[in-house]
């Protein structure tokens, strides 16, 4: 049950990261947006390999 809660929390963080990255892109902070998208991708990988799969 705790693993499911962590997976849900990770998904919420991913959505928040995407929102921040899109906002950064809108105002022209492309390097920051790229790093945030990269962070979201790593979090997606972690969620899918360690929190959901096992």
PDB file of N, CA and C in Angstrom:
ATOM      1  N   UNK A   1       0.819  -1.199   0.000  1.00  0.00           N
ATOM      2  CA  UNK A   1       0.000   0.000   0.000  1.00  0.00           C
ATOM      3  C   UNK A   1       0.862   1.262   0.000  1.00  0.00           C
ATOM      4  N   UNK A   2       1.953   1.220   0.745  1.00  0.00           N
ATOM      5  CA  UNK A   2       2.842   2.385   0.781  1.00  0.00           C
ATOM      6  C   UNK A   2       3.492   2.617  -0.576  1.00  0.00           C
ATOM      7  N   UNK A   3       3.768   1.515  -1.286  1.00  0.00           N
ATOM      8  CA  UNK A   3       4.384   1.648  -2.606  1.00  0.00           C
ATOM      9  C   UNK A   3       3.410   2.317  -3.582  1.00  0.00           C
ATOM     10  N   UNK A   4       2.116   1.980  -3.465  1.00  0.00           N
ATOM     11  CA  UNK A   4       1.111   2.591  -4.325  1.00  0.00           C
ATOM     12  C   UNK A   4       0.986   4.087  -4.022  1.00  0.00           C
ATOM     13  N   UNK A   5       1.063   4.444  -2.765  1.00  0.00           N
ATOM     14  CA  UNK A   5       0.995   5.858  -2.386  1.00  0.00           C
ATOM     15  C   UNK A   5       2.212   6.620  -2.910  1.00  0.00           C
ATOM     16  N   UNK A   6       3.377   6.001  -2.845  1.00  0.00           N
ATOM     17  CA  UNK A   6       4.587   6.639  -3.374  1.00  0.00           C
ATOM     18  C   UNK A   6       4.508   6.802  -4.888  1.00  0.00           C
ATOM     19  N   UNK A   7       3.941   5.803  -5.567  1.00  0.00           N
ATOM     20  CA  UNK A   7       3.785   5.902  -7.021  1.00  0.00           C
ATOM     21  C   UNK A   7       2.827   7.032  -7.384  1.00  0.00           C
ATOM     22  N   UNK A   8       1.763   7.185  -6.614  1.00  0.00           N
ATOM     23  CA  UNK A   8       0.814   8.269  -6.856  1.00  0.00           C
ATOM     24  C   UNK A   8       1.459   9.620  -6.578  1.00  0.00           C
ATOM     25  N   UNK A   9       2.218   9.714  -5.518  1.00  0.00           N
ATOM     26  CA  UNK A   9       2.926  10.949  -5.199  1.00  0.00           C
ATOM     27  C   UNK A   9       3.939  11.297  -6.292  1.00  0.00           C
ATOM     28  N   UNK A  10       4.634  10.298  -6.797  1.00  0.00           N
ATOM     29  CA  UNK A  10       5.595  10.523  -7.872  1.00  0.00           C
ATOM     30  C   UNK A  10       4.883  11.029  -9.126  1.00  0.00           C
ATOM     31  N   UNK A  11       3.718  10.463  -9.428  1.00  0.00           N
ATOM     32  CA  UNK A  11       2.953  10.917 -10.595  1.00  0.00           C
ATOM     33  C   UNK A  11       2.521  12.371 -10.433  1.00  0.00           C
ATOM     34  N   UNK A  12       2.113  12.743  -9.229  1.00  0.00           N
ATOM     35  CA  UNK A  12       1.728  14.133  -8.978  1.00  0.00           C
ATOM     36  C   UNK A  12       2.931  15.070  -9.134  1.00  0.00           C
ATOM     37  N   UNK A  13       4.082  14.635  -8.675  1.00  0.00           N
ATOM     38  CA  UNK A  13       5.296  15.444  -8.832  1.00  0.00           C
ATOM     39  C   UNK A  13       5.674  15.592 -10.309  1.00  0.00           C
ATOM     40  N   UNK A  14       5.474  14.538 -11.077  1.00  0.00           N
ATOM     41  CA  UNK A  14       5.773  14.588 -12.511  1.00  0.00           C
ATOM     42  C   UNK A  14       4.887  15.623 -13.196  1.00  0.00           C
ATOM     43  N   UNK A  15       3.603  15.610 -12.869  1.00  0.00           N
ATOM     44  CA  UNK A  15       2.675  16.591 -13.453  1.00  0.00           C
ATOM     45  C   UNK A  15       3.096  18.009 -13.073  1.00  0.00           C
ATOM     46  N   UNK A  16       3.477  18.204 -11.811  1.00  0.00           N
ATOM     47  CA  UNK A  16       3.918  19.526 -11.361  1.00  0.00           C
ATOM     48  C   UNK A  16       5.196  19.954 -12.092  1.00  0.00           C
ATOM     49  N   UNK A  17       6.129  19.023 -12.266  1.00  0.00           N
ATOM     50  CA  UNK A  17       7.363  19.351 -12.988  1.00  0.00           C
ATOM     51  C   UNK A  17       7.079  19.754 -14.424  1.00  0.00           C
ATOM     52  N   UNK A  18       6.169  19.038 -15.085  1.00  0.00           N
ATOM     53  CA  UNK A  18       5.811  19.401 -16.457  1.00  0.00           C
ATOM     54  C   UNK A  18       5.187  20.791 -16.507  1.00  0.00           C
ATOM     55  N   UNK A  19       4.352  21.120 -15.539  1.00  0.00           N
ATOM     56  CA  UNK A  19       3.730  22.451 -15.505  1.00  0.00           C
ATOM     57  C   UNK A  19       4.789  23.540 -15.327  1.00  0.00           C
ATOM     58  N   UNK A  20       5.736  23.313 -14.448  1.00  0.00           N
ATOM     59  CA  UNK A  20       6.803  24.286 -14.230  1.00  0.00           C
ATOM     60  C   UNK A  20       7.676  24.410 -15.470  1.00  0.00           C
ATOM     61  N   UNK A  21       7.979  23.282 -16.112  1.00  0.00           N
ATOM     62  CA  UNK A  21       8.805  23.317 -17.318  1.00  0.00           C
ATOM     63  C   UNK A  21       8.101  24.063 -18.449  1.00  0.00           C
ATOM     64  N   UNK A  22       6.812  23.841 -18.614  1.00  0.00           N
ATOM     65  CA  UNK A  22       6.070  24.560 -19.649  1.00  0.00           C
ATOM     66  C   UNK A  22       6.026  26.053 -19.358  1.00  0.00           C
ATOM     67  N   UNK A  23       5.899  26.405 -18.096  1.00  0.00           N
ATOM     68  CA  UNK A  23       5.932  27.821 -17.722  1.00  0.00           C
ATOM     69  C   UNK A  23       7.302  28.418 -18.019  1.00  0.00           C
ATOM     70  N   UNK A  24       8.355  27.686 -17.704  1.00  0.00           N
ATOM     71  CA  UNK A  24       9.711  28.164 -17.985  1.00  0.00           C
ATOM     72  C   UNK A  24       9.927  28.344 -19.484  1.00  0.00           C
ATOM     73  N   UNK A  25       9.386  27.427 -20.284  1.00  0.00           N
ATOM     74  CA  UNK A  25       9.503  27.565 -21.735  1.00  0.00           C
ATOM     75  C   UNK A  25       8.768  28.803 -22.226  1.00  0.00           C
ATOM     76  N   UNK A  26       7.627  29.074 -21.636  1.00  0.00           N
ATOM     77  CA  UNK A  26       6.811  30.213 -22.061  1.00  0.00           C
ATOM     78  C   UNK A  26       7.538  31.537 -21.856  1.00  0.00           C
ATOM     79  N   UNK A  27       8.285  31.638 -20.769  1.00  0.00           N
ATOM     80  CA  UNK A  27       8.977  32.894 -20.481  1.00  0.00           C
ATOM     81  C   UNK A  27      10.390  32.931 -21.055  1.00  0.00           C
ATOM     82  N   UNK A  28      10.771  31.884 -21.798  1.00  0.00           N
ATOM     83  CA  UNK A  28      12.055  31.905 -22.476  1.00  0.00           C
ATOM     84  C   UNK A  28      13.222  31.309 -21.708  1.00  0.00           C
ATOM     85  N   UNK A  29      12.965  30.654 -20.611  1.00  0.00           N
ATOM     86  CA  UNK A  29      14.036  30.011 -19.834  1.00  0.00           C
ATOM     87  C   UNK A  29      14.203  28.572 -20.312  1.00  0.00           C
ATOM     88  N   UNK A  30      14.774  28.432 -21.513  1.00  0.00           N
ATOM     89  CA  UNK A  30      14.806  27.130 -22.167  1.00  0.00           C
ATOM     90  C   UNK A  30      15.754  26.143 -21.481  1.00  0.00           C
ATOM     91  N   UNK A  31      16.874  26.633 -20.975  1.00  0.00           N
ATOM     92  CA  UNK A  31      17.808  25.738 -20.282  1.00  0.00           C
ATOM     93  C   UNK A  31      17.175  25.179 -19.012  1.00  0.00           C
ATOM     94  N   UNK A  32      16.500  26.040 -18.272  1.00  0.00           N
ATOM     95  CA  UNK A  32      15.816  25.600 -17.055  1.00  0.00           C
ATOM     96  C   UNK A  32      14.718  24.604 -17.409  1.00  0.00           C
ATOM     97  N   UNK A  33      13.948  24.904 -18.452  1.00  0.00           N
ATOM     98  CA  UNK A  33      12.879  24.006 -18.880  1.00  0.00           C
ATOM     99  C   UNK A  33      13.441  22.646 -19.276  1.00  0.00           C
ATOM    100  N   UNK A  34      14.549  22.653 -19.990  1.00  0.00           N
ATOM    101  CA  UNK A  34      15.163  21.393 -20.397  1.00  0.00           C
ATOM    102  C   UNK A  34      15.604  20.554 -19.214  1.00  0.00           C
ATOM    103  N   UNK A  35      16.195  21.205 -18.229  1.00  0.00           N
ATOM    104  CA  UNK A  35      16.625  20.470 -17.034  1.00  0.00           C
ATOM    105  C   UNK A  35      15.432  19.918 -16.257  1.00  0.00           C
ATOM    106  N   UNK A  36      14.358  20.677 -16.219  1.00  0.00           N
ATOM    107  CA  UNK A  36      13.162  20.197 -15.518  1.00  0.00           C
ATOM    108  C   UNK A  36      12.534  19.031 -16.271  1.00  0.00           C
ATOM    109  N   UNK A  37      12.483  19.112 -17.605  1.00  0.00           N
ATOM    110  CA  UNK A  37      11.975  17.983 -18.384  1.00  0.00           C
ATOM    111  C   UNK A  37      12.846  16.746 -18.170  1.00  0.00           C
ATOM    112  N   UNK A  38      14.160  16.935 -18.101  1.00  0.00           N
ATOM    113  CA  UNK A  38      15.056  15.815 -17.832  1.00  0.00           C
ATOM    114  C   UNK A  38      14.771  15.215 -16.455  1.00  0.00           C
ATOM    115  N   UNK A  39      14.569  16.066 -15.466  1.00  0.00           N
ATOM    116  CA  UNK A  39      14.247  15.590 -14.114  1.00  0.00           C
ATOM    117  C   UNK A  39      12.944  14.802 -14.109  1.00  0.00           C
ATOM    118  N   UNK A  40      11.944  15.299 -14.832  1.00  0.00           N
ATOM    119  CA  UNK A  40      10.672  14.588 -14.911  1.00  0.00           C
ATOM    120  C   UNK A  40      10.853  13.227 -15.580  1.00  0.00           C
ATOM    121  N   UNK A  41      11.695  13.164 -16.601  1.00  0.00           N
ATOM    122  CA  UNK A  41      11.936  11.898 -17.291  1.00  0.00           C
ATOM    123  C   UNK A  41      12.607  10.886 -16.364  1.00  0.00           C
ATOM    124  N   UNK A  42      13.566  11.337 -15.590  1.00  0.00           N
ATOM    125  CA  UNK A  42      14.235  10.448 -14.634  1.00  0.00           C
ATOM    126  C   UNK A  42      13.237   9.972 -13.575  1.00  0.00           C
ATOM    127  N   UNK A  43      12.377  10.848 -13.121  1.00  0.00           N
ATOM    128  CA  UNK A  43      11.367  10.470 -12.132  1.00  0.00           C
ATOM    129  C   UNK A  43      10.369   9.471 -12.729  1.00  0.00           C
ATOM    130  N   UNK A  44      10.001   9.655 -13.991  1.00  0.00           N
ATOM    131  CA  UNK A  44       9.126   8.688 -14.659  1.00  0.00           C
ATOM    132  C   UNK A  44       9.804   7.322 -14.720  1.00  0.00           C
ATOM    133  N   UNK A  45      11.076   7.304 -15.083  1.00  0.00           N
ATOM    134  CA  UNK A  45      11.821   6.044 -15.143  1.00  0.00           C
ATOM    135  C   UNK A  45      11.855   5.380 -13.764  1.00  0.00           C
ATOM    136  N   UNK A  46      12.172   6.144 -12.729  1.00  0.00           N
ATOM    137  CA  UNK A  46      12.227   5.609 -11.378  1.00  0.00           C
ATOM    138  C   UNK A  46      10.871   5.058 -10.952  1.00  0.00           C
ATOM    139  N   UNK A  47       9.807   5.802 -11.263  1.00  0.00           N
ATOM    140  CA  UNK A  47       8.462   5.360 -10.888  1.00  0.00           C
ATOM    141  C   UNK A  47       8.100   4.054 -11.575  1.00  0.00           C
ATOM    142  N   UNK A  48       8.381   3.965 -12.861  1.00  0.00           N
ATOM    143  CA  UNK A  48       7.987   2.775 -13.621  1.00  0.00           C
ATOM    144  C   UNK A  48       8.832   1.561 -13.281  1.00  0.00           C
ATOM    145  N   UNK A  49      10.096   1.750 -12.948  1.00  0.00           N
ATOM    146  CA  UNK A  49      10.962   0.592 -12.683  1.00  0.00           C
ATOM    147  C   UNK A  49      10.948   0.144 -11.229  1.00  0.00           C
ATOM    148  N   UNK A  50      10.767   1.072 -10.302  1.00  0.00           N
ATOM    149  CA  UNK A  50      10.886   0.702  -8.886  1.00  0.00           C
ATOM    150  C   UNK A  50       9.572   0.767  -8.108  1.00  0.00           C
ATOM    151  N   UNK A  51       8.665   1.613  -8.498  1.00  0.00           N
ATOM    152  CA  UNK A  51       7.458   1.769  -7.693  1.00  0.00           C
ATOM    153  C   UNK A  51       6.257   1.014  -8.251  1.00  0.00           C
ATOM    154  N   UNK A  52       6.151   0.920  -9.573  1.00  0.00           N
ATOM    155  CA  UNK A  52       4.976   0.275 -10.174  1.00  0.00           C
ATOM    156  C   UNK A  52       5.252  -1.182 -10.511  1.00  0.00           C
ATOM    157  N   UNK A  53       6.430  -1.464 -11.020  1.00  0.00           N
ATOM    158  CA  UNK A  53       6.723  -2.793 -11.553  1.00  0.00           C
ATOM    159  C   UNK A  53       6.875  -3.866 -10.471  1.00  0.00           C
ATOM    160  N   UNK A  54       7.314  -3.458  -9.309  1.00  0.00           N
ATOM    161  CA  UNK A  54       7.700  -4.479  -8.386  1.00  0.00           C
ATOM    162  C   UNK A  54       6.863  -4.766  -7.240  1.00  0.00           C
TER     163      UNK A  54
END
